[in-house]
Structure formats: C-alpha cells, structure tokens
C-alpha cells in the first residue's frame, strides 16, 4: 500500500468492501487529515460507512439523508449539524429572522429599511455559523463518505484529501471517478473487479465514445497489475468452480468447505453433493407487452414452481432466495406468476444483483429462438455475476439449443453436462 496508486481486484465473494473498510481503518490511525471514501452508488457508500462505524472510525456521510440507509442517518452531515454545540446559536438567528420577516410586512419608510438591513445581517450570521459547523464536523471526521459525484459538492470546495479510496471503481464511469481525485489526492486505492459488471451507460453514443470503460479497466489495460483477492468465502466449492476457471484462470481458492454449504431441501438436485441444476426449457420467448423487453412465460412458471418447492422444504425463508433474469420484462412476468404468499422474494435483473448474495439463486435465461440470439446473455460479465450470487444452491432455467450459440454459455453447458447436472427428471414430473 506504499505506492501512489493501488488497484485491488476482488472477485465474487472475496470481501472487496471488507478489505476497503480495513484499509480505511488503517489510514484513519495515521495523522493524515480526513480521508475521502467514495463509491459509485449510495448503497455501496452506505456499506463502507456501516463497516467503518462498526470499527469505531469517526466517519461522516455527505449526501441527502433520504438516500442513506435509515440506521446510518445519524452519521450524515445533516444529523451532525443538529447535534452540534452551535445549533442553539443557529436556531436563535433563524427564529430572530423569522420574527423580523413577519413584522417587516407592516412597516414603512426608514423603519422598514433598517429592518431589512437587520434581516440581511441575520442571514449573513446564519451562513457564517452553518459554515463554521460544517468545517468543524469535517475537521473532526477521520473519513468522509459520499458518492463519486457527491465528492464534487461545493461544501468541499477548498478542501484537500490526500488519500482517496474508491470502492465499486469498475462500476463508475471515468469522469465520475475523476471527481474525487481532483480533491488533492496523493495516494489512491481503487477497489473493483473488471470481470464483473461495467459502468451503466444508457446512451449508445456515450458507449461508443468509451464511457462504458472504467478507469480501473483502462489502468489494467495499460499494464498496471491489480492485487487479486484470492479467497472466496461465499459459494459452495462446486458453484465457484466454473467462474474460477472461466473468468479468473483458476487463481481463486475456496474459503468454505462443501459441508458448510449443504444443498437445501425442497429441490430434487441431480447430485446432492453438487447443489447446481440446469433445467432445459425450450421455447417460450416473447416480446413484452410494452414492446421494450423480453419475457418467457414458460420459464416464469418454472421459477414459480421451484420457488414454492424450496419454501415448502421448510429450510429456507423468502429472504434466502433470489431470482435473477437479464430482462426487466421477465422480472415483471415472474412477479406476476409468483403466489401472493411468496411475493416478498427478491426478483431483479442481473444489474441489480451485483454485490448481493443469497442462499439459493434461480436464474431465468429467457432467450429461446431458432436464430440462437442470446442478447444480453452474451456479456460474459453478466454471466459471471449471475453465476456467483448463490451460497448453497444455483438453479438455471434456459433453452440449451439457444444458449449453445454463445461460446461461454456453451462452456458452462458442457461443464454442467459433464457432471450430470441437467435436471431432465424435473421435466418429467411437471
């Protein structure tokens, strides 16, 4: 960590955020002034903040309180301002100005002019006290947490942060990443994984212009070698095997044993020692009613059925199961097909699941067509994220004939077939 620039690559389940928090904690024990800790999303910033507060680090959260997790709002700038010793003085001036503003309406001439002068002086004093309070809060903080874009707030103008840590660095666009760096950074740590999801860029023109590539990825392409976190603590070893070989050249190690991740009851696994299953469901792909997405009612029906079986198995709660699909249309179709008693189960697109984990993941591929068009599924980074969210069980539902047209999906299909993990027996029970 002695270098000016450090890249830390954290594959799924290796504890990227935990590592980031520990780096920040170590820095906070040095006399280097306030440290700037940022991430692309509010959720990721909250995760950093939560970790820091649990270790007793004096951390302050910059940002709108409504966007901050409720249990962390006492660490926001707004909450700190409410608790500050100068709050009473501030309230005095605010109340004084409010009274003067009410009275001035009935005044005339010189008296009105003098009162307006007093109001102006009052607001000047309010701004002075607020500025003093904010400066005091920032000076006392060991770590300031905010989003990448939030670090450009005018409240920080004139402040310098010699050490900057950027979590989720591979999900931030380059311009967003540069915002915290221009605050005087002399030592920078970027934490991310360029083998997982890239920055979200809606505009195709912006994508063509290169905004889809993060600064982290650009630096790796320039030859800067990231430090790799090698031990994954999330997945059953059989679940981590394919992503490890396919995306990380077999460099990862399992920090959990199979006995710590037993196959959950409720699902007839092809092999109970290997809690993975591919359910081959052919046909069913249709365009969503709004015309903007894809869905597959046949797969949605299977998702609902498997979900019921897992819940009825009695071992898993609804918060233990996650349902992932590449298409927003299929998210809606699955939610519509799920029984009302199970509607609290999380159903999201792949992009909504990065950084998340569940005991069991059900993944609906959706695409099923004679052209072999796999659409979003062709992105290896989405495949990596989809296959690495599960701790104890992974169930994939899709059309093998369509999926085989993609090289990496074909490799995954071969991996499953060679281990006899295709769940043909479930089709016979429908």
Protein backbone atom coordinates (compact mmCIF):
# COMPACT_ATOMS: atom_id res chain seq x y z
CA UNK A 1 0.00 0.00 0.00
CA UNK A 2 3.03 2.29 -0.17
CA UNK A 3 2.53 3.21 -3.84
CA UNK A 4 0.72 6.31 -5.06
CA UNK A 5 -1.78 4.16 -7.00
CA UNK A 6 -3.06 0.73 -5.99
CA UNK A 7 -5.65 -1.44 -7.76
CA UNK A 8 -7.37 -4.19 -5.77
CA UNK A 9 -9.36 -6.74 -7.77
CA UNK A 10 -12.00 -8.52 -5.73
CA UNK A 11 -13.73 -11.44 -7.49
CA UNK A 12 -17.17 -12.51 -6.19
CA UNK A 13 -17.30 -13.36 -2.50
CA UNK A 14 -13.72 -12.33 -1.73
CA UNK A 15 -14.68 -9.42 0.52
CA UNK A 16 -13.92 -6.30 -1.53
CA UNK A 17 -15.80 -3.94 0.77
CA UNK A 18 -14.42 -5.59 3.93
CA UNK A 19 -10.92 -5.07 2.54
CA UNK A 20 -11.70 -1.45 1.65
CA UNK A 21 -13.01 -0.78 5.17
CA UNK A 22 -9.88 -2.27 6.75
CA UNK A 23 -7.64 -0.09 4.56
CA UNK A 24 -9.61 2.99 5.62
CA UNK A 25 -9.39 1.95 9.27
CA UNK A 26 -5.59 1.60 8.99
CA UNK A 27 -5.31 5.00 7.33
CA UNK A 28 -7.53 6.60 9.99
CA UNK A 29 -4.95 5.71 12.65
CA UNK A 30 -2.35 7.85 10.88
CA UNK A 31 -2.14 11.62 11.21
CA UNK A 32 -3.02 12.44 7.60
CA UNK A 33 -6.18 14.51 7.87
CA UNK A 34 -9.63 13.49 6.67
CA UNK A 35 -9.72 10.57 4.21
CA UNK A 36 -12.14 10.57 1.28
CA UNK A 37 -14.00 7.27 0.74
CA UNK A 38 -16.32 7.12 -2.25
CA UNK A 39 -18.27 4.67 -4.40
CA UNK A 40 -20.50 4.98 -7.45
CA UNK A 41 -23.78 4.12 -5.71
CA UNK A 42 -25.42 5.19 -2.46
CA UNK A 43 -25.80 1.55 -1.42
CA UNK A 44 -22.05 0.94 -1.75
CA UNK A 45 -21.25 4.15 0.17
CA UNK A 46 -23.59 3.04 2.95
CA UNK A 47 -21.81 -0.33 3.10
CA UNK A 48 -18.47 1.45 3.59
CA UNK A 49 -19.97 3.73 6.23
CA UNK A 50 -21.56 0.85 8.12
CA UNK A 51 -18.27 -1.04 8.21
CA UNK A 52 -16.34 2.00 9.42
CA UNK A 53 -18.82 2.85 12.18
CA UNK A 54 -18.75 -0.76 13.42
CA UNK A 55 -14.98 -0.41 13.88
CA UNK A 56 -15.30 2.85 15.79
CA UNK A 57 -13.94 5.04 12.99
CA UNK A 58 -15.25 8.63 13.05
CA UNK A 59 -16.99 8.68 9.68
CA UNK A 60 -19.37 11.28 8.26
CA UNK A 61 -21.78 10.73 5.36
CA UNK A 62 -22.26 13.51 2.85
CA UNK A 63 -25.48 13.31 0.83
CA UNK A 64 -29.25 13.58 1.06
CA UNK A 65 -30.48 11.72 4.18
CA UNK A 66 -33.39 10.17 2.23
CA UNK A 67 -30.83 8.32 0.10
CA UNK A 68 -28.99 7.00 3.15
CA UNK A 69 -29.93 3.76 4.93
CA UNK A 70 -32.16 4.63 7.88
CA UNK A 71 -29.92 3.10 10.56
CA UNK A 72 -26.98 5.19 9.29
CA UNK A 73 -28.66 8.61 9.11
CA UNK A 74 -27.20 9.74 12.44
CA UNK A 75 -23.81 9.80 10.67
CA UNK A 76 -25.00 12.21 7.96
CA UNK A 77 -23.87 15.82 7.82
CA UNK A 78 -27.47 16.94 8.48
CA UNK A 79 -27.72 14.85 11.67
CA UNK A 80 -24.31 16.04 12.87
CA UNK A 81 -25.42 19.64 12.30
CA UNK A 82 -28.48 19.04 14.52
CA UNK A 83 -26.26 17.76 17.35
CA UNK A 84 -23.56 20.44 17.05
CA UNK A 85 -22.94 22.77 20.06
CA UNK A 86 -23.52 25.81 17.82
CA UNK A 87 -27.01 24.58 16.87
CA UNK A 88 -28.60 26.73 19.59
CA UNK A 89 -26.92 29.86 18.23
CA UNK A 90 -28.07 28.97 14.72
CA UNK A 91 -31.66 28.43 15.86
CA UNK A 92 -31.57 31.80 17.67
CA UNK A 93 -30.68 33.65 14.46
CA UNK A 94 -33.19 31.67 12.39
CA UNK A 95 -36.01 32.46 14.84
CA UNK A 96 -34.95 36.11 15.02
CA UNK A 97 -35.01 36.43 11.24
CA UNK A 98 -38.37 34.70 11.04
CA UNK A 99 -39.89 37.19 13.52
CA UNK A 100 -38.38 40.17 11.68
CA UNK A 101 -39.66 38.85 8.34
CA UNK A 102 -43.20 38.66 9.74
CA UNK A 103 -43.03 42.15 11.24
CA UNK A 104 -41.47 43.90 8.23
CA UNK A 105 -44.65 43.39 6.19
CA UNK A 106 -46.45 46.05 8.21
CA UNK A 107 -43.58 48.56 8.26
CA UNK A 108 -42.93 51.62 6.13
CA UNK A 109 -40.14 54.04 5.35
CA UNK A 110 -36.94 54.14 7.36
CA UNK A 111 -38.08 51.52 9.86
CA UNK A 112 -38.66 49.03 7.04
CA UNK A 113 -35.24 49.77 5.54
CA UNK A 114 -33.48 49.27 8.89
CA UNK A 115 -35.34 46.00 9.49
CA UNK A 116 -34.36 44.70 6.04
CA UNK A 117 -30.76 45.55 6.96
CA UNK A 118 -31.10 43.55 10.20
CA UNK A 119 -32.59 40.60 8.30
CA UNK A 120 -29.69 40.70 5.83
CA UNK A 121 -27.20 40.73 8.71
CA UNK A 122 -29.10 37.86 10.32
CA UNK A 123 -28.84 35.69 7.21
CA UNK A 124 -25.16 36.52 6.96
CA UNK A 125 -24.71 35.31 10.54
CA UNK A 126 -26.71 32.14 9.77
CA UNK A 127 -24.41 31.37 6.84
CA UNK A 128 -21.32 32.04 8.97
CA UNK A 129 -22.46 29.72 11.77
CA UNK A 130 -23.51 26.98 9.32
CA UNK A 131 -20.13 27.20 7.61
CA UNK A 132 -18.33 27.02 10.96
CA UNK A 133 -20.40 23.98 11.99
CA UNK A 134 -19.72 22.15 8.72
CA UNK A 135 -16.00 22.91 8.86
CA UNK A 136 -15.84 21.66 12.44
CA UNK A 137 -17.67 18.42 11.55
CA UNK A 138 -15.41 17.77 8.55
CA UNK A 139 -12.26 18.59 10.54
CA UNK A 140 -13.21 16.09 13.25
CA UNK A 141 -14.09 13.31 10.79
CA UNK A 142 -11.45 10.67 10.11
CA UNK A 143 -13.27 9.52 6.97
CA UNK A 144 -15.74 11.36 4.75
CA UNK A 145 -18.05 9.02 2.81
CA UNK A 146 -20.00 10.06 -0.29
CA UNK A 147 -20.69 9.06 -3.88
CA UNK A 148 -18.14 9.85 -6.58
CA UNK A 149 -20.34 12.64 -7.93
CA UNK A 150 -21.18 13.81 -4.40
CA UNK A 151 -17.49 14.48 -3.77
CA UNK A 152 -17.82 17.38 -6.21
CA UNK A 153 -20.23 19.21 -3.87
CA UNK A 154 -19.43 22.86 -3.22
CA UNK A 155 -19.29 22.12 0.53
CA UNK A 156 -15.90 20.54 -0.11
CA UNK A 157 -14.51 23.40 -2.19
CA UNK A 158 -11.14 24.47 -0.85
CA UNK A 159 -10.62 21.17 0.99
CA UNK A 160 -7.84 18.75 0.09
CA UNK A 161 -7.95 15.00 0.67
CA UNK A 162 -4.51 13.45 0.37
CA UNK A 163 -5.82 9.87 0.47
CA UNK A 164 -8.76 8.67 -1.56
CA UNK A 165 -10.31 5.20 -1.72
CA UNK A 166 -12.83 4.37 -4.44
CA UNK A 167 -14.92 1.24 -3.91
CA UNK A 168 -17.01 -0.20 -6.78
CA UNK A 169 -14.46 1.50 -9.04
CA UNK A 170 -15.28 -0.74 -12.00
CA UNK A 171 -18.92 0.38 -11.96
CA UNK A 172 -18.11 4.09 -12.12
CA UNK A 173 -17.55 5.94 -15.40
CA UNK A 174 -14.14 7.55 -15.84
CA UNK A 175 -15.45 11.13 -15.46
CA UNK A 176 -17.23 10.15 -12.21
CA UNK A 177 -14.02 8.58 -10.89
CA UNK A 178 -12.04 11.72 -11.63
CA UNK A 179 -14.30 13.91 -9.45
CA UNK A 180 -12.86 12.70 -6.10
CA UNK A 181 -9.33 12.52 -7.50
CA UNK A 182 -9.14 16.26 -8.20
CA UNK A 183 -9.64 16.97 -4.49
CA UNK A 184 -5.88 16.80 -3.93
CA UNK A 185 -5.31 13.04 -3.97
CA UNK A 186 -1.71 11.99 -3.36
CA UNK A 187 -2.42 8.31 -2.69
CA UNK A 188 -5.30 6.45 -4.33
CA UNK A 189 -6.74 2.95 -3.94
CA UNK A 190 -9.26 1.67 -6.50
CA UNK A 191 -11.24 -1.41 -5.47
CA UNK A 192 -13.33 -3.33 -8.01
CA UNK A 193 -13.45 -6.21 -10.46
CA UNK A 194 -13.33 -5.58 -14.20
CA UNK A 195 -14.60 -9.13 -14.78
CA UNK A 196 -17.96 -8.14 -13.31
CA UNK A 197 -20.46 -5.50 -14.47
CA UNK A 198 -19.10 -2.33 -16.10
CA UNK A 199 -20.49 1.20 -15.63
CA UNK A 200 -24.14 1.55 -16.61
CA UNK A 201 -24.29 3.74 -19.72
CA UNK A 202 -27.73 4.27 -21.28
CA UNK A 203 -26.67 6.33 -24.30
CA UNK A 204 -25.29 4.27 -27.19
CA UNK A 205 -23.38 7.32 -28.37
CA UNK A 206 -21.71 7.62 -24.97
CA UNK A 207 -20.96 3.89 -25.03
CA UNK A 208 -19.29 4.22 -28.42
CA UNK A 209 -17.32 7.16 -27.03
CA UNK A 210 -15.77 4.93 -24.37
CA UNK A 211 -17.82 5.81 -21.30
CA UNK A 212 -18.57 2.13 -20.78
CA UNK A 213 -14.99 1.54 -19.68
CA UNK A 214 -13.97 2.35 -16.12
CA UNK A 215 -10.70 3.99 -15.09
CA UNK A 216 -9.85 0.73 -13.28
CA UNK A 217 -10.18 -1.25 -16.52
CA UNK A 218 -8.21 1.32 -18.50
CA UNK A 219 -5.35 1.15 -15.99
CA UNK A 220 -5.33 -2.66 -16.16
CA UNK A 221 -5.17 -2.46 -19.97
CA UNK A 222 -2.21 -0.08 -19.61
CA UNK A 223 -0.33 -2.79 -17.73
CA UNK A 224 -0.93 -1.89 -14.09
CA UNK A 225 -1.28 -5.23 -12.29
CA UNK A 226 -4.07 -5.29 -9.69
CA UNK A 227 -3.66 -7.04 -6.34
CA UNK A 228 -6.01 -10.04 -6.52
CA UNK A 229 -8.09 -11.09 -3.52
CA UNK A 230 -7.81 -14.85 -3.93
CA UNK A 231 -10.04 -16.49 -1.32
CA UNK A 232 -13.81 -16.59 -1.85
CA UNK A 233 -15.99 -17.10 1.22
CA UNK A 234 -19.44 -17.16 -0.41
CA UNK A 235 -20.05 -20.12 -2.68
CA UNK A 236 -20.17 -23.88 -2.31
CA UNK A 237 -16.92 -25.04 -3.98
CA UNK A 238 -18.85 -26.66 -6.84
CA UNK A 239 -20.61 -23.34 -7.60
CA UNK A 240 -17.35 -21.38 -7.65
CA UNK A 241 -15.51 -23.93 -9.83
CA UNK A 242 -16.70 -22.79 -13.28
CA UNK A 243 -16.41 -19.00 -12.71
CA UNK A 244 -12.96 -19.53 -11.21
CA UNK A 245 -11.74 -21.45 -14.24
CA UNK A 246 -13.56 -19.38 -16.87
CA UNK A 247 -13.05 -15.83 -15.60
CA UNK A 248 -10.10 -15.95 -13.16
CA UNK A 249 -7.75 -18.52 -14.73
CA UNK A 250 -8.20 -20.84 -11.73
CA UNK A 251 -6.39 -18.45 -9.38
CA UNK A 252 -9.09 -18.37 -6.70
CA UNK A 253 -9.27 -20.58 -3.63
CA UNK A 254 -12.33 -21.64 -1.64
CA UNK A 255 -12.50 -20.34 1.91
CA UNK A 256 -15.54 -22.50 2.68
CA UNK A 257 -15.98 -26.28 2.56
CA UNK A 258 -18.86 -28.16 0.96
CA UNK A 259 -20.07 -29.23 4.42
CA UNK A 260 -20.61 -25.55 5.30
CA UNK A 261 -22.91 -25.07 2.30
CA UNK A 262 -25.26 -28.11 2.27
CA UNK A 263 -27.80 -28.45 -0.55
CA UNK A 264 -31.17 -27.06 0.64
CA UNK A 265 -34.20 -29.33 0.90
CA UNK A 266 -37.18 -28.79 -1.37
CA UNK A 267 -35.30 -29.17 -4.65
CA UNK A 268 -34.58 -32.54 -6.24
CA UNK A 269 -30.94 -31.84 -7.04
CA UNK A 270 -29.38 -34.03 -9.76
CA UNK A 271 -26.47 -34.55 -7.34
CA UNK A 272 -26.94 -33.64 -3.67
CA UNK A 273 -23.18 -33.20 -3.25
CA UNK A 274 -23.17 -30.61 -6.06
CA UNK A 275 -26.07 -28.19 -5.46
CA UNK A 276 -26.41 -26.96 -9.03
CA UNK A 277 -29.04 -27.71 -11.65
CA UNK A 278 -29.75 -26.73 -15.24
CA UNK A 279 -33.41 -27.07 -16.19
CA UNK A 280 -33.72 -27.26 -20.01
CA UNK A 281 -36.90 -25.42 -21.00
CA UNK A 282 -37.29 -24.94 -24.74
CA UNK A 283 -39.33 -22.23 -26.45
CA UNK A 284 -41.46 -19.59 -24.75
CA UNK A 285 -39.59 -16.36 -25.57
CA UNK A 286 -41.95 -13.49 -26.43
CA UNK A 287 -41.72 -9.72 -26.61
CA UNK A 288 -43.06 -7.93 -23.52
CA UNK A 289 -46.45 -6.20 -23.85
CA UNK A 290 -44.76 -2.79 -23.81
CA UNK A 291 -42.52 -3.88 -26.69
CA UNK A 292 -39.36 -2.78 -24.89
CA UNK A 293 -38.19 -6.03 -23.33
CA UNK A 294 -38.34 -9.84 -23.49
CA UNK A 295 -40.10 -12.38 -21.35
CA UNK A 296 -40.64 -16.13 -21.22
CA UNK A 297 -43.87 -17.26 -19.52
CA UNK A 298 -42.81 -20.93 -19.61
CA UNK A 299 -39.65 -20.16 -17.64
CA UNK A 300 -41.57 -17.84 -15.29
CA UNK A 301 -43.93 -20.72 -14.49
CA UNK A 302 -40.98 -22.98 -13.65
CA UNK A 303 -39.41 -20.31 -11.48
CA UNK A 304 -42.65 -20.05 -9.50
CA UNK A 305 -42.90 -23.83 -9.12
CA UNK A 306 -39.30 -24.27 -7.95
CA UNK A 307 -39.66 -21.35 -5.55
CA UNK A 308 -42.72 -22.96 -3.95
CA UNK A 309 -40.87 -26.26 -3.55
CA UNK A 310 -37.86 -24.59 -1.91
CA UNK A 311 -40.05 -22.67 0.55
CA UNK A 312 -42.19 -25.72 1.29
CA UNK A 313 -38.97 -27.64 2.02
CA UNK A 314 -39.00 -25.75 5.31
CA UNK A 315 -35.30 -24.91 5.39
CA UNK A 316 -35.29 -21.57 3.58
CA UNK A 317 -37.12 -18.31 4.16
CA UNK A 318 -38.14 -15.93 1.40
CA UNK A 319 -35.18 -13.65 2.14
CA UNK A 320 -32.82 -16.60 1.49
CA UNK A 321 -33.83 -16.97 -2.17
CA UNK A 322 -33.05 -14.63 -5.04
CA UNK A 323 -34.42 -14.69 -8.58
CA UNK A 324 -32.32 -13.18 -11.36
CA UNK A 325 -33.04 -12.60 -15.05
CA UNK A 326 -31.43 -10.40 -17.72
CA UNK A 327 -34.69 -8.70 -18.75
CA UNK A 328 -36.99 -6.25 -16.95
CA UNK A 329 -39.91 -7.81 -18.83
CA UNK A 330 -39.16 -11.20 -17.28
CA UNK A 331 -38.87 -9.60 -13.83
CA UNK A 332 -42.48 -8.46 -14.25
CA UNK A 333 -43.59 -11.83 -15.68
CA UNK A 334 -42.03 -13.72 -12.76
CA UNK A 335 -43.58 -11.40 -10.18
CA UNK A 336 -46.97 -11.92 -11.81
CA UNK A 337 -46.54 -15.71 -11.71
CA UNK A 338 -45.44 -15.96 -8.07
CA UNK A 339 -48.06 -16.81 -5.45
CA UNK A 340 -49.14 -13.89 -3.28
CA UNK A 341 -47.73 -15.55 -0.16
CA UNK A 342 -44.29 -15.54 -1.79
CA UNK A 343 -44.29 -12.07 -3.32
CA UNK A 344 -41.64 -10.73 -0.93
CA UNK A 345 -38.95 -12.83 -2.64
CA UNK A 346 -36.47 -10.56 -4.41
CA UNK A 347 -36.73 -10.61 -8.22
CA UNK A 348 -34.19 -8.42 -10.04
CA UNK A 349 -32.21 -8.07 -13.23
CA UNK A 350 -28.57 -9.14 -13.21
CA UNK A 351 -27.51 -5.50 -12.95
CA UNK A 352 -29.49 -5.16 -9.72
CA UNK A 353 -27.72 -8.09 -8.07
CA UNK A 354 -24.02 -7.19 -8.26
CA UNK A 355 -22.56 -7.20 -4.77
CA UNK A 356 -25.52 -9.22 -3.43
CA UNK A 357 -25.72 -12.83 -2.28
CA UNK A 358 -28.44 -15.33 -1.39
CA UNK A 359 -28.54 -18.90 -0.09
CA UNK A 360 -30.15 -20.03 -3.36
CA UNK A 361 -30.35 -18.30 -6.73
CA UNK A 362 -32.81 -19.15 -9.51
CA UNK A 363 -31.70 -17.71 -12.85
CA UNK A 364 -34.11 -17.42 -15.79
CA UNK A 365 -32.27 -17.00 -19.12
CA UNK A 366 -35.40 -16.02 -21.16
CA UNK A 367 -33.91 -16.30 -24.67
CA UNK A 368 -35.22 -19.16 -26.80
CA UNK A 369 -35.16 -18.76 -30.59
CA UNK A 370 -34.13 -20.56 -33.77
CA UNK A 371 -31.54 -17.88 -34.61
CA UNK A 372 -29.50 -18.61 -31.49
CA UNK A 373 -29.68 -14.96 -30.44
CA UNK A 374 -28.78 -14.77 -26.74
CA UNK A 375 -28.98 -10.96 -26.44
CA UNK A 376 -27.81 -9.61 -23.07
CA UNK A 377 -26.62 -13.09 -22.12
CA UNK A 378 -23.64 -12.73 -24.47
CA UNK A 379 -21.94 -10.39 -21.97
CA UNK A 380 -19.50 -12.60 -20.04
CA UNK A 381 -19.51 -10.12 -17.15
CA UNK A 382 -23.27 -10.58 -16.69
CA UNK A 383 -22.79 -14.35 -16.81
CA UNK A 384 -20.11 -14.09 -14.14
CA UNK A 385 -22.36 -12.03 -11.84
CA UNK A 386 -25.37 -14.30 -12.38
CA UNK A 387 -23.44 -17.49 -11.57
CA UNK A 388 -21.73 -16.15 -8.44
CA UNK A 389 -24.56 -14.83 -6.22
CA UNK A 390 -25.52 -18.19 -4.67
CA UNK A 391 -24.05 -19.60 -1.46
CA UNK A 392 -25.74 -23.02 -1.26
CA UNK A 393 -27.64 -23.66 -4.47
CA UNK A 394 -27.80 -22.46 -8.09
CA UNK A 395 -30.64 -23.30 -10.48
CA UNK A 396 -30.52 -22.09 -14.08
CA UNK A 397 -33.54 -22.33 -16.40
CA UNK A 398 -32.96 -21.90 -20.12
CA UNK A 399 -33.04 -23.25 -23.67
CA UNK A 400 -29.88 -25.31 -24.28
CA UNK A 401 -30.15 -25.04 -28.08
CA UNK A 402 -30.16 -21.23 -27.92
CA UNK A 403 -27.54 -20.91 -25.18
CA UNK A 404 -25.05 -23.11 -27.03
CA UNK A 405 -24.71 -20.46 -29.74
CA UNK A 406 -22.71 -18.38 -27.23
CA UNK A 407 -19.15 -19.58 -26.54
CA UNK A 408 -19.13 -19.03 -22.79
CA UNK A 409 -22.64 -20.30 -22.22
CA UNK A 410 -21.66 -23.31 -24.30
CA UNK A 411 -18.69 -23.87 -21.99
CA UNK A 412 -20.99 -23.67 -18.97
CA UNK A 413 -23.42 -26.14 -20.57
CA UNK A 414 -20.54 -28.56 -21.18
CA UNK A 415 -19.45 -28.10 -17.56
CA UNK A 416 -22.96 -28.99 -16.32
CA UNK A 417 -23.43 -31.91 -18.72
CA UNK A 418 -20.05 -33.46 -17.86
CA UNK A 419 -21.15 -33.54 -14.21
CA UNK A 420 -24.67 -34.86 -14.94
CA UNK A 421 -26.27 -31.73 -13.51
CA UNK A 422 -29.02 -31.33 -16.12
CA UNK A 423 -32.38 -31.65 -14.37
CA UNK A 424 -34.31 -33.56 -17.04
CA UNK A 425 -36.02 -35.52 -14.24
CA UNK A 426 -37.90 -32.39 -13.18
CA UNK A 427 -39.47 -32.00 -16.63
CA UNK A 428 -40.90 -35.50 -16.35
CA UNK A 429 -42.58 -34.55 -13.08
CA UNK A 430 -44.39 -31.49 -14.45
